[in-house]
Amino acid sequence: MSLPERDGDGYLRDMSVWTEEIGKAMAEADGFVMDDEKWEQILKAREYYEENSAVPPIRKFAKYIGADQKEMFKQWMTGPMKPITKYGGLPKPTGCV
């Protein structure tokens, strides 16, 4: 599968081309291991974005999905919002914590 054009940070240049297949292929291309729980969080972030037209800060997002923030950091081994938004075809988080 050829991936759509991405910016220097690996985000899609055109959010409208995103599909689940593209999200998974992007993660694979980046050598990022995706599991069902991570994928579920990505879909929840997309849902949040559709409702609020904004990417939530991690604190708000953890509360939104009923997850423990520290656990999310462990799970993603990085600030969770960056890979969640990247592979979810969403805009870059502004705070990027």
N, C-alpha and C. Protein backbone atom coordinates (compact mmCIF):
# COMPACT_ATOMS: atom_id res chain seq x y z
N MET A 1 0.86 -1.19 0.00
CA MET A 1 0.00 0.00 0.00
C MET A 1 0.89 1.24 0.00
N SER A 2 0.63 2.15 -0.93
CA SER A 2 1.43 3.37 -0.90
C SER A 2 0.73 4.37 0.01
N LEU A 3 1.53 4.99 0.85
CA LEU A 3 0.98 5.92 1.84
C LEU A 3 0.75 7.30 1.22
N PRO A 4 -0.29 7.99 1.68
CA PRO A 4 -0.50 9.37 1.23
C PRO A 4 0.66 10.25 1.72
N GLU A 5 0.76 11.43 1.16
CA GLU A 5 1.84 12.35 1.51
C GLU A 5 1.77 12.73 2.99
N ARG A 6 2.96 12.71 3.64
CA ARG A 6 3.04 13.08 5.05
C ARG A 6 4.04 14.22 5.23
N ASP A 7 3.87 14.98 6.32
CA ASP A 7 4.79 16.08 6.58
C ASP A 7 6.06 15.55 7.25
N GLY A 8 6.95 16.45 7.63
CA GLY A 8 8.22 16.07 8.22
C GLY A 8 8.10 15.28 9.51
N ASP A 9 6.97 15.45 10.22
CA ASP A 9 6.76 14.71 11.47
C ASP A 9 5.96 13.42 11.25
N GLY A 10 5.61 13.15 10.01
CA GLY A 10 4.89 11.92 9.70
C GLY A 10 3.37 12.04 9.73
N TYR A 11 2.88 13.27 9.89
CA TYR A 11 1.42 13.49 9.90
C TYR A 11 0.92 13.61 8.46
N LEU A 12 -0.32 13.17 8.23
CA LEU A 12 -0.91 13.30 6.90
C LEU A 12 -1.04 14.78 6.53
N ARG A 13 -0.71 15.08 5.27
CA ARG A 13 -0.88 16.47 4.82
C ARG A 13 -2.37 16.75 4.57
N ASP A 14 -3.12 15.70 4.20
CA ASP A 14 -4.55 15.85 3.94
C ASP A 14 -5.31 14.88 4.84
N MET A 15 -5.92 15.41 5.90
CA MET A 15 -6.64 14.58 6.87
C MET A 15 -7.78 13.79 6.24
N SER A 16 -8.34 14.29 5.17
CA SER A 16 -9.53 13.66 4.59
C SER A 16 -9.22 12.32 3.92
N VAL A 17 -7.95 12.01 3.67
CA VAL A 17 -7.62 10.74 3.01
C VAL A 17 -7.47 9.59 4.01
N TRP A 18 -7.56 9.90 5.32
CA TRP A 18 -7.33 8.87 6.34
C TRP A 18 -8.36 7.75 6.29
N THR A 19 -7.86 6.52 6.44
CA THR A 19 -8.73 5.36 6.66
C THR A 19 -8.03 4.53 7.73
N GLU A 20 -8.72 3.55 8.28
CA GLU A 20 -8.08 2.69 9.28
C GLU A 20 -6.88 1.99 8.67
N GLU A 21 -6.99 1.57 7.41
CA GLU A 21 -5.89 0.86 6.75
C GLU A 21 -4.67 1.78 6.65
N ILE A 22 -4.90 3.03 6.29
CA ILE A 22 -3.80 3.99 6.16
C ILE A 22 -3.16 4.22 7.53
N GLY A 23 -3.99 4.39 8.57
CA GLY A 23 -3.46 4.59 9.92
C GLY A 23 -2.55 3.44 10.34
N LYS A 24 -3.02 2.22 10.08
CA LYS A 24 -2.23 1.04 10.45
C LYS A 24 -0.97 0.93 9.61
N ALA A 25 -1.08 1.24 8.32
CA ALA A 25 0.09 1.19 7.43
C ALA A 25 1.13 2.24 7.83
N MET A 26 0.66 3.42 8.27
CA MET A 26 1.59 4.47 8.72
C MET A 26 2.36 3.99 9.95
N ALA A 27 1.64 3.38 10.90
CA ALA A 27 2.28 2.88 12.12
C ALA A 27 3.32 1.82 11.75
N GLU A 28 2.93 0.93 10.85
CA GLU A 28 3.83 -0.13 10.41
C GLU A 28 5.08 0.45 9.74
N ALA A 29 4.87 1.43 8.86
CA ALA A 29 5.98 2.07 8.16
C ALA A 29 6.95 2.72 9.14
N ASP A 30 6.41 3.20 10.27
CA ASP A 30 7.24 3.85 11.29
C ASP A 30 7.82 2.83 12.28
N GLY A 31 7.50 1.55 12.08
CA GLY A 31 7.97 0.51 12.98
C GLY A 31 7.29 0.57 14.34
N PHE A 32 6.05 1.08 14.35
CA PHE A 32 5.31 1.25 15.59
C PHE A 32 4.34 0.08 15.76
N VAL A 33 4.43 -0.61 16.88
CA VAL A 33 3.57 -1.76 17.12
C VAL A 33 2.21 -1.30 17.65
N MET A 34 1.18 -1.67 16.93
CA MET A 34 -0.17 -1.26 17.27
C MET A 34 -0.93 -2.46 17.84
N ASP A 35 -1.61 -2.26 18.96
CA ASP A 35 -2.46 -3.33 19.47
C ASP A 35 -3.90 -2.82 19.53
N ASP A 36 -4.82 -3.69 19.91
CA ASP A 36 -6.24 -3.31 19.90
C ASP A 36 -6.53 -2.15 20.84
N GLU A 37 -5.89 -2.15 21.99
CA GLU A 37 -6.13 -1.08 22.96
C GLU A 37 -5.67 0.27 22.43
N LYS A 38 -4.50 0.29 21.81
CA LYS A 38 -4.00 1.54 21.22
C LYS A 38 -4.92 1.99 20.09
N TRP A 39 -5.35 1.03 19.30
CA TRP A 39 -6.22 1.36 18.17
C TRP A 39 -7.55 1.93 18.68
N GLU A 40 -8.06 1.36 19.75
CA GLU A 40 -9.30 1.83 20.37
C GLU A 40 -9.14 3.30 20.80
N GLN A 41 -7.99 3.63 21.36
CA GLN A 41 -7.72 5.01 21.79
C GLN A 41 -7.67 5.95 20.58
N ILE A 42 -7.10 5.48 19.50
CA ILE A 42 -7.04 6.29 18.27
C ILE A 42 -8.46 6.59 17.79
N LEU A 43 -9.31 5.58 17.77
CA LEU A 43 -10.69 5.79 17.31
C LEU A 43 -11.45 6.72 18.25
N LYS A 44 -11.18 6.62 19.56
CA LYS A 44 -11.80 7.52 20.54
C LYS A 44 -11.33 8.96 20.31
N ALA A 45 -10.07 9.13 19.98
CA ALA A 45 -9.53 10.47 19.72
C ALA A 45 -10.20 11.07 18.49
N ARG A 46 -10.45 10.25 17.49
CA ARG A 46 -11.14 10.74 16.29
C ARG A 46 -12.57 11.17 16.64
N GLU A 47 -13.21 10.37 17.49
CA GLU A 47 -14.56 10.67 17.95
C GLU A 47 -14.56 12.02 18.69
N TYR A 48 -13.60 12.19 19.59
CA TYR A 48 -13.48 13.43 20.36
C TYR A 48 -13.29 14.61 19.40
N TYR A 49 -12.41 14.40 18.41
CA TYR A 49 -12.12 15.47 17.45
C TYR A 49 -13.37 15.85 16.66
N GLU A 50 -14.13 14.84 16.25
CA GLU A 50 -15.37 15.12 15.49
C GLU A 50 -16.36 15.93 16.33
N GLU A 51 -16.44 15.61 17.62
CA GLU A 51 -17.38 16.32 18.50
C GLU A 51 -16.90 17.73 18.86
N ASN A 52 -15.60 17.90 19.02
CA ASN A 52 -15.07 19.16 19.55
C ASN A 52 -14.21 19.97 18.58
N SER A 53 -13.97 19.43 17.40
CA SER A 53 -13.11 20.07 16.40
C SER A 53 -11.75 20.47 16.98
N ALA A 54 -11.27 19.67 17.92
CA ALA A 54 -9.98 19.95 18.54
C ALA A 54 -9.37 18.65 19.04
N VAL A 55 -8.05 18.64 19.09
CA VAL A 55 -7.34 17.50 19.68
C VAL A 55 -7.26 17.78 21.18
N PRO A 56 -7.69 16.82 22.00
CA PRO A 56 -7.67 17.07 23.45
C PRO A 56 -6.27 16.96 24.04
N PRO A 57 -5.99 17.74 25.09
CA PRO A 57 -4.74 17.52 25.81
C PRO A 57 -4.84 16.16 26.51
N ILE A 58 -3.72 15.55 26.81
CA ILE A 58 -3.70 14.21 27.38
C ILE A 58 -4.58 14.09 28.62
N ARG A 59 -4.53 15.08 29.50
CA ARG A 59 -5.31 15.01 30.74
C ARG A 59 -6.79 14.86 30.42
N LYS A 60 -7.27 15.71 29.54
CA LYS A 60 -8.68 15.69 29.16
C LYS A 60 -9.02 14.40 28.41
N PHE A 61 -8.11 13.94 27.57
CA PHE A 61 -8.37 12.73 26.79
C PHE A 61 -8.41 11.49 27.69
N ALA A 62 -7.49 11.40 28.64
CA ALA A 62 -7.47 10.26 29.57
C ALA A 62 -8.80 10.19 30.33
N LYS A 63 -9.27 11.37 30.74
CA LYS A 63 -10.55 11.44 31.46
C LYS A 63 -11.70 11.02 30.52
N TYR A 64 -11.65 11.50 29.28
CA TYR A 64 -12.67 11.21 28.27
C TYR A 64 -12.83 9.71 28.05
N ILE A 65 -11.71 8.98 28.02
CA ILE A 65 -11.80 7.53 27.76
C ILE A 65 -11.74 6.70 29.05
N GLY A 66 -11.63 7.39 30.20
CA GLY A 66 -11.60 6.68 31.47
C GLY A 66 -10.32 5.88 31.68
N ALA A 67 -9.20 6.45 31.21
CA ALA A 67 -7.92 5.76 31.34
C ALA A 67 -7.02 6.50 32.31
N ASP A 68 -6.04 5.79 32.83
CA ASP A 68 -5.06 6.39 33.72
C ASP A 68 -3.94 6.99 32.86
N GLN A 69 -3.69 8.28 33.08
CA GLN A 69 -2.70 8.99 32.28
C GLN A 69 -1.32 8.33 32.33
N LYS A 70 -0.87 7.96 33.54
CA LYS A 70 0.46 7.34 33.68
C LYS A 70 0.53 6.02 32.91
N GLU A 71 -0.57 5.26 32.97
CA GLU A 71 -0.62 3.99 32.23
C GLU A 71 -0.50 4.24 30.73
N MET A 72 -1.15 5.31 30.27
CA MET A 72 -1.10 5.63 28.84
C MET A 72 0.33 5.97 28.41
N PHE A 73 1.05 6.70 29.25
CA PHE A 73 2.44 7.03 28.93
C PHE A 73 3.27 5.75 28.84
N LYS A 74 3.03 4.82 29.77
CA LYS A 74 3.75 3.54 29.76
C LYS A 74 3.40 2.75 28.51
N GLN A 75 2.12 2.72 28.22
CA GLN A 75 1.63 1.95 27.08
C GLN A 75 2.23 2.45 25.75
N TRP A 76 2.27 3.76 25.58
CA TRP A 76 2.76 4.33 24.32
C TRP A 76 4.27 4.58 24.37
N MET A 77 4.86 4.52 25.55
CA MET A 77 6.29 4.78 25.76
C MET A 77 6.72 6.16 25.26
N THR A 78 5.79 7.09 25.30
CA THR A 78 6.04 8.45 24.83
C THR A 78 4.81 9.26 25.20
N GLY A 79 4.81 10.54 24.90
CA GLY A 79 3.59 11.31 25.08
C GLY A 79 2.53 10.68 24.18
N PRO A 80 1.45 10.17 24.74
CA PRO A 80 0.48 9.40 23.95
C PRO A 80 -0.22 10.18 22.84
N MET A 81 -0.42 11.47 23.01
CA MET A 81 -1.23 12.19 22.02
C MET A 81 -0.55 12.29 20.66
N LYS A 82 0.78 12.26 20.63
CA LYS A 82 1.46 12.39 19.35
C LYS A 82 1.19 11.19 18.44
N PRO A 83 1.48 9.95 18.89
CA PRO A 83 1.15 8.82 18.01
C PRO A 83 -0.35 8.64 17.81
N ILE A 84 -1.14 8.95 18.83
CA ILE A 84 -2.60 8.81 18.69
C ILE A 84 -3.11 9.72 17.58
N THR A 85 -2.66 10.96 17.56
CA THR A 85 -3.15 11.89 16.53
C THR A 85 -2.51 11.57 15.17
N LYS A 86 -1.24 11.19 15.19
CA LYS A 86 -0.56 10.90 13.91
C LYS A 86 -1.24 9.74 13.19
N TYR A 87 -1.39 8.61 13.88
CA TYR A 87 -1.96 7.43 13.22
C TYR A 87 -3.48 7.51 13.11
N GLY A 88 -4.07 8.47 13.80
CA GLY A 88 -5.50 8.69 13.68
C GLY A 88 -5.84 9.70 12.60
N GLY A 89 -4.81 10.21 11.91
CA GLY A 89 -5.05 11.16 10.83
C GLY A 89 -5.58 12.50 11.32
N LEU A 90 -5.23 12.85 12.55
CA LEU A 90 -5.69 14.11 13.16
C LEU A 90 -4.58 15.15 13.13
N PRO A 91 -4.91 16.41 13.39
CA PRO A 91 -3.86 17.43 13.43
C PRO A 91 -2.93 17.21 14.63
N LYS A 92 -1.75 17.75 14.51
CA LYS A 92 -0.75 17.68 15.58
C LYS A 92 -1.30 18.34 16.84
N PRO A 93 -1.10 17.69 18.01
CA PRO A 93 -1.58 18.34 19.24
C PRO A 93 -0.75 19.61 19.49
N THR A 94 -1.40 20.65 19.96
CA THR A 94 -0.70 21.90 20.16
C THR A 94 0.26 21.86 21.33
N GLY A 95 -0.22 21.35 22.47
CA GLY A 95 0.65 21.29 23.64
C GLY A 95 1.76 20.27 23.46
N CYS A 96 1.47 19.20 22.74
CA CYS A 96 2.41 18.11 22.48
C CYS A 96 3.22 17.74 23.70
N VAL A 97 2.54 17.43 24.80
CA VAL A 97 3.23 17.04 26.04
C VAL A 97 3.63 15.59 25.94
